[in-house]
Amino acid sequence: MTSPPVRPSEKPAGAPESAPTSVSASISASISASRLQRALASDFVYDFTRAPIAIIAGLVVLFLFLVAILAPLVAPTNPFDPASLNLMNGFTPPMQANMFTGESFVMGTDDQGRDLLSAIIYGLRVSLFVGVMSVLLAMGLGVSLGLIAGYVGGWLDNLIMRIADIQLTFPSILIAMLIFGVLRGIIPPDLRDEMAIFVLITAIGLSEWVPFARTVRATTLVEKEKEYVQAARLIGLGRHQIMWRHILPNVLGPVLVIATITLALAIIAEATLSFLGVGAPATEPSLGTLIRIGQDFLFSGEWWILTFPAITLLALALSVNLLGDWLKDTLNPRLK
């Protein structure tokens, strides 16, 4: 009796197993490798590797971000743990042994005996968290309003732009202080310390949305007259689909530059508010809070309590600003 014929889709018994998984994996690996090669050969990477200032600034920003993210692992102590504090270590100079306990600290200690290096690392984490979240809030609000104003136009465009013009007449730090005070007054007193960081993020974010809105609006006015938008209208796409799926990806180029520069401004604004005593609470001190504490002891000889947090804030803000300036020059087609 003859065996039935084997269909092309069937495998005879004992036939070796095919390896579609390994083939697809090799294809995916080759695609990823080709994408990586194209990315490394791009003009963006080429310009970055030939800009020593941008490289140094990028390394500084990357280092500070990693230190802040890994604060529990890299900090010598937890400066916010009362059990780890010893008041006898207070005002210990950098790299010198304390006359009572014999302990030494790289950057010294403050008036409460906290290791200043650990306090800076944890304060850097608070400052970067507030700065990044403020920029995300400002970017989301500004991009949305700018896209709506540029595409819809009419009275809505006039309303949004007039509000932006009015806000530009005041310094952003005053707007942030005003919003911070209003929100603090709304929150119940027993929740103010817990909500202080989120109130600070909201205040800074609402004071920095205008540059995003004005830039996105100007770009949207140009993009909505192009052929791909006209084609999207002809095939019956709605206004929201055209705005968010087609125009939005083409107006995000300048937003990256503005976000980088705004990050430095947000970090400085947070430090300013905390320095004035209306920012981060004492239980979660930021770099601005540490600078305010150090100022009280500057003229009594404990210079390190102010100097090291100030240098950290200066290095962070300067590096982010230098990266923003490089991005602005690199992404500007008129300079190519």
Foldseek 3Di string as FASTA:
>chain_A
DDDDDDDPVDDDPPDDDDCPVVVVVVVVVVVVVVVVVCVCPDPVVVLCVVDVLLVVLVVLQVVLVVLLVCLVPPAPDQQLDVVPWDQQQALAAAPAARPPPRDHARLGAHNRRGRLRSLQSLQSNLLLVLLLLLLVLLLVVQLVLLLCLQPVPDPSVVVVVVVLVVLVVDDLLVQLVVQLVVVLVVDDPVCCQVCQSVSSSVSNNVSQNSVSNVQNSVQSNVVCPDDVVVVCVVVPDDPVCCRPVPSSVVSCLVVVLSSLLSSLVSSVSQLVCLLVVSHHDPSRHHLSVQLNSQVVCCVVPSVSSNPVSVVSNVSNSVSSVVNSVSSVLSSDVVND
